[in-house]
Amino acid sequence: MKPVVFLGPSLSHTEARRILDAEYRPPIRRGDLLNLPPEVDIVGIVDGVFMSEILSLLETGTKVVGGGSMGALRAAELGGFGMKGVGEVFEMYARGEIDGDDEVALIFNPETLDPLSEPLVNIRCNLASAAKAGVLSDLQAHVLLRTLKETYFPNRTFSLLFEIARRELGDTVAGRVREHVETSGRNVKKSDALMVIATIKNLIQNSE
């Protein structure tokens, strides 16, 4: 039985299939795990909403891998029960640097699964790398991040970040921030989603 991976705006199903032959489903919702065929022995969770069925699945011996988005948060919460977490977002949750689903929340097109807003964790990581590169100071990065965190999550975008930077820090700094994001920006959720797929692939190969 192919592994089942719940994946949406973090990474396209087409790109994921280039790495792993699996059954890719839209972001997970309550009840989806309870309806899985019993022969499924590996499940990947990247995108989705909260659900309590993960514990029940782990109790059956099914391997559950989480990362990238909501899967990272659930893996941090359920690591002691056997859920495997991978990636940078998972590590940030596990260390307590971030908490709650607000960091990974976004809106997406329900038909194409394309993201329509930017998760705060992506903005956070890009501001951190910009500060490390000397594009802006740590204090300036904190000011921008605080403003974005206070913004309702569907409205968070990099365009809004640049607008806030121009308003709060001036055209020069805002221009440097934009250039850094456009030339050296990272999509940490996508990178972690790829890591979830690769981890499941390794689990399959090691079990053969």
Protein backbone atom coordinates (compact mmCIF):
# COMPACT_ATOMS: atom_id res chain seq x y z
CA MET A 1 0.00 0.00 0.00
CA LYS A 2 1.39 3.42 -0.92
CA PRO A 3 2.03 5.89 1.90
CA VAL A 4 -0.58 8.62 2.25
CA VAL A 5 0.60 12.22 2.46
CA PHE A 6 -1.64 15.15 3.37
CA LEU A 7 -0.17 18.07 1.49
CA GLY A 8 -1.43 21.39 0.19
CA PRO A 9 -0.03 24.90 -0.12
CA SER A 10 3.41 24.07 1.30
CA LEU A 11 4.39 21.99 -1.74
CA SER A 12 2.59 20.99 -4.93
CA HIS A 13 1.54 17.38 -5.37
CA THR A 14 3.26 17.38 -8.77
CA GLU A 15 6.62 18.29 -7.27
CA ALA A 16 6.19 15.79 -4.43
CA ARG A 17 5.46 12.96 -6.88
CA ARG A 18 8.84 13.53 -8.52
CA ILE A 19 10.40 12.39 -5.26
CA LEU A 20 8.01 9.80 -3.89
CA ASP A 21 5.27 7.62 -5.34
CA ALA A 22 2.52 8.13 -2.78
CA GLU A 23 -1.15 8.94 -2.50
CA TYR A 24 -1.29 12.69 -2.05
CA ARG A 25 -4.38 14.16 -0.45
CA PRO A 26 -5.43 17.75 0.31
CA PRO A 27 -4.70 19.30 3.74
CA ILE A 28 -5.91 16.98 6.44
CA ARG A 29 -9.17 17.56 8.28
CA ARG A 30 -10.79 15.93 11.25
CA GLY A 31 -11.86 12.39 10.41
CA ASP A 32 -9.46 11.87 7.49
CA LEU A 33 -7.16 9.58 9.46
CA LEU A 34 -10.04 7.45 10.69
CA ASN A 35 -11.00 6.73 7.08
CA LEU A 36 -7.59 5.47 5.97
CA PRO A 37 -7.40 1.85 4.78
CA PRO A 38 -5.97 -0.31 7.59
CA GLU A 39 -3.11 -1.50 5.37
CA VAL A 40 -1.58 2.01 5.19
CA ASP A 41 1.53 1.85 7.38
CA ILE A 42 3.15 5.26 6.71
CA VAL A 43 1.40 8.63 6.82
CA GLY A 44 2.90 12.04 6.16
CA ILE A 45 1.27 15.21 7.47
CA VAL A 46 2.38 18.61 6.21
CA ASP A 47 -0.73 20.75 5.82
CA GLY A 48 -4.02 20.57 7.67
CA VAL A 49 -6.07 21.52 10.65
CA PHE A 50 -6.05 20.17 14.19
CA MET A 51 -7.20 16.63 14.77
CA SER A 52 -6.92 14.14 17.63
CA GLU A 53 -6.86 11.00 15.52
CA ILE A 54 -3.05 10.99 15.22
CA LEU A 55 -2.72 9.28 18.60
CA SER A 56 -5.11 6.55 17.54
CA LEU A 57 -3.11 5.99 14.37
CA LEU A 58 0.18 5.82 16.29
CA GLU A 59 -1.32 3.24 18.64
CA THR A 60 -1.90 0.92 15.67
CA GLY A 61 1.82 1.02 14.84
CA THR A 62 1.48 3.29 11.81
CA LYS A 63 4.50 5.53 11.25
CA VAL A 64 3.47 9.19 11.15
CA VAL A 65 5.87 11.85 9.90
CA GLY A 66 5.12 15.57 10.31
CA GLY A 67 6.82 18.75 9.24
CA GLY A 68 6.58 22.00 7.33
CA SER A 69 3.28 23.32 8.61
CA MET A 70 0.62 21.96 10.93
CA GLY A 71 2.41 18.63 10.75
CA ALA A 72 5.42 20.25 12.42
CA LEU A 73 3.33 21.56 15.31
CA ARG A 74 1.61 18.21 15.86
CA ALA A 75 4.95 16.38 15.71
CA ALA A 76 6.35 18.69 18.39
CA GLU A 77 3.31 17.97 20.56
CA LEU A 78 3.24 14.22 19.93
CA GLY A 79 6.94 13.34 19.70
CA GLY A 80 6.73 11.50 23.00
CA PHE A 81 4.00 9.28 21.54
CA GLY A 82 6.01 8.26 18.49
CA MET A 83 5.24 10.87 15.84
CA LYS A 84 8.39 11.76 13.94
CA GLY A 85 9.05 15.45 13.27
CA VAL A 86 11.47 16.76 10.69
CA GLY A 87 12.62 20.14 9.43
CA GLU A 88 13.35 23.63 10.66
CA VAL A 89 9.78 24.57 11.54
CA PHE A 90 9.45 21.42 13.68
CA GLU A 91 12.71 22.26 15.47
CA MET A 92 11.48 25.79 16.19
CA TYR A 93 8.28 24.40 17.71
CA ALA A 94 10.20 21.75 19.66
CA ARG A 95 12.58 24.37 21.11
CA GLY A 96 9.70 26.65 22.04
CA GLU A 97 10.87 29.47 19.76
CA ILE A 98 7.39 29.57 18.23
CA ASP A 99 4.06 28.20 19.40
CA GLY A 100 0.51 27.88 18.16
CA ASP A 101 -0.82 27.42 14.66
CA ASP A 102 -0.66 31.17 14.01
CA GLU A 103 2.93 30.77 12.78
CA VAL A 104 2.01 28.42 9.93
CA ALA A 105 -1.53 29.57 9.20
CA LEU A 106 -2.37 30.81 5.72
CA ILE A 107 -5.22 30.84 3.23
CA PHE A 108 -5.13 28.94 -0.03
CA ASN A 109 -7.17 28.28 -3.13
CA PRO A 110 -9.30 25.21 -2.27
CA GLU A 111 -9.23 24.02 -5.88
CA THR A 112 -5.57 24.47 -6.80
CA LEU A 113 -4.17 24.45 -3.22
CA ASP A 114 -2.00 27.44 -4.18
CA PRO A 115 -1.17 29.69 -1.20
CA LEU A 116 -2.86 33.09 -1.15
CA SER A 117 -1.03 34.50 1.87
CA GLU A 118 2.36 34.04 3.51
CA PRO A 119 2.81 32.09 6.76
CA LEU A 120 4.43 34.07 9.53
CA VAL A 121 7.17 31.49 9.98
CA ASN A 122 8.41 32.19 6.44
CA ILE A 123 8.44 35.93 7.09
CA ARG A 124 10.16 35.33 10.45
CA CYS A 125 12.96 33.25 8.90
CA ASN A 126 13.52 35.73 6.08
CA LEU A 127 13.73 38.66 8.48
CA ALA A 128 16.19 36.71 10.61
CA SER A 129 18.41 35.98 7.61
CA ALA A 130 18.17 39.62 6.51
CA ALA A 131 19.30 40.78 9.95
CA LYS A 132 22.14 38.25 9.94
CA ALA A 133 23.24 39.57 6.55
CA GLY A 134 23.25 43.15 7.85
CA VAL A 135 20.34 44.23 5.68
CA LEU A 136 18.63 45.63 8.77
CA SER A 137 19.20 45.53 12.51
CA ASP A 138 17.79 42.95 14.89
CA LEU A 139 15.59 45.66 16.42
CA GLN A 140 14.25 46.68 13.00
CA ALA A 141 13.51 43.05 12.17
CA HIS A 142 11.69 42.70 15.49
CA VAL A 143 9.56 45.78 14.75
CA LEU A 144 8.50 44.39 11.38
CA LEU A 145 7.82 40.91 12.74
CA ARG A 146 5.74 42.29 15.61
CA THR A 147 3.59 44.27 13.19
CA LEU A 148 3.08 41.25 10.93
CA LYS A 149 2.22 39.08 13.95
CA GLU A 150 -0.49 41.57 14.91
CA THR A 151 -1.90 41.35 11.37
CA TYR A 152 -4.77 38.93 10.68
CA PHE A 153 -3.11 35.91 9.06
CA PRO A 154 -4.98 35.96 5.70
CA ASN A 155 -3.56 39.44 5.08
CA ARG A 156 0.08 38.52 5.64
CA THR A 157 2.14 38.75 2.46
CA PHE A 158 5.65 39.81 1.53
CA SER A 159 4.12 42.79 -0.29
CA LEU A 160 2.61 43.88 3.01
CA LEU A 161 5.99 43.34 4.70
CA PHE A 162 7.66 45.68 2.21
CA GLU A 163 4.91 48.26 2.68
CA ILE A 164 5.27 48.15 6.46
CA ALA A 165 9.06 48.37 6.16
CA ARG A 166 8.76 51.47 4.00
CA ARG A 167 6.33 53.07 6.45
CA GLU A 168 8.25 52.16 9.61
CA LEU A 169 11.87 52.20 8.45
CA GLY A 170 12.00 54.31 5.31
CA ASP A 171 12.53 53.66 1.62
CA THR A 172 16.22 52.73 1.86
CA VAL A 173 15.84 49.94 4.41
CA ALA A 174 12.61 48.75 2.79
CA GLY A 175 14.40 48.51 -0.55
CA ARG A 176 17.18 46.44 0.99
CA VAL A 177 14.66 44.11 2.63
CA ARG A 178 12.82 43.61 -0.66
CA GLU A 179 16.07 42.91 -2.52
CA HIS A 180 17.16 40.38 0.10
CA VAL A 181 13.85 38.51 0.02
CA GLU A 182 13.70 38.51 -3.78
CA THR A 183 17.30 37.35 -4.27
CA SER A 184 18.04 35.27 -1.16
CA GLY A 185 14.61 34.53 0.28
CA ARG A 186 13.73 31.13 1.68
CA ASN A 187 10.49 29.21 1.73
CA VAL A 188 11.15 27.22 4.89
CA LYS A 189 7.75 25.52 4.81
CA LYS A 190 8.40 24.19 1.32
CA SER A 191 11.91 23.03 2.23
CA ASP A 192 10.52 21.18 5.25
CA ALA A 193 7.71 19.66 3.19
CA LEU A 194 10.34 18.26 0.82
CA MET A 195 12.13 16.84 3.86
CA VAL A 196 8.94 15.06 4.96
CA ILE A 197 8.66 13.41 1.53
CA ALA A 198 12.35 12.42 1.57
CA THR A 199 12.02 11.01 5.09
CA ILE A 200 9.09 8.82 4.08
CA LYS A 201 11.04 7.63 1.05
CA ASN A 202 13.95 6.64 3.30
CA LEU A 203 11.61 4.82 5.67
CA ILE A 204 10.27 2.76 2.76
CA GLN A 205 13.72 2.00 1.41
CA ASN A 206 15.03 0.94 4.84
CA SER A 207 12.08 -1.39 5.36
CA GLU A 208 12.61 -3.24 2.08
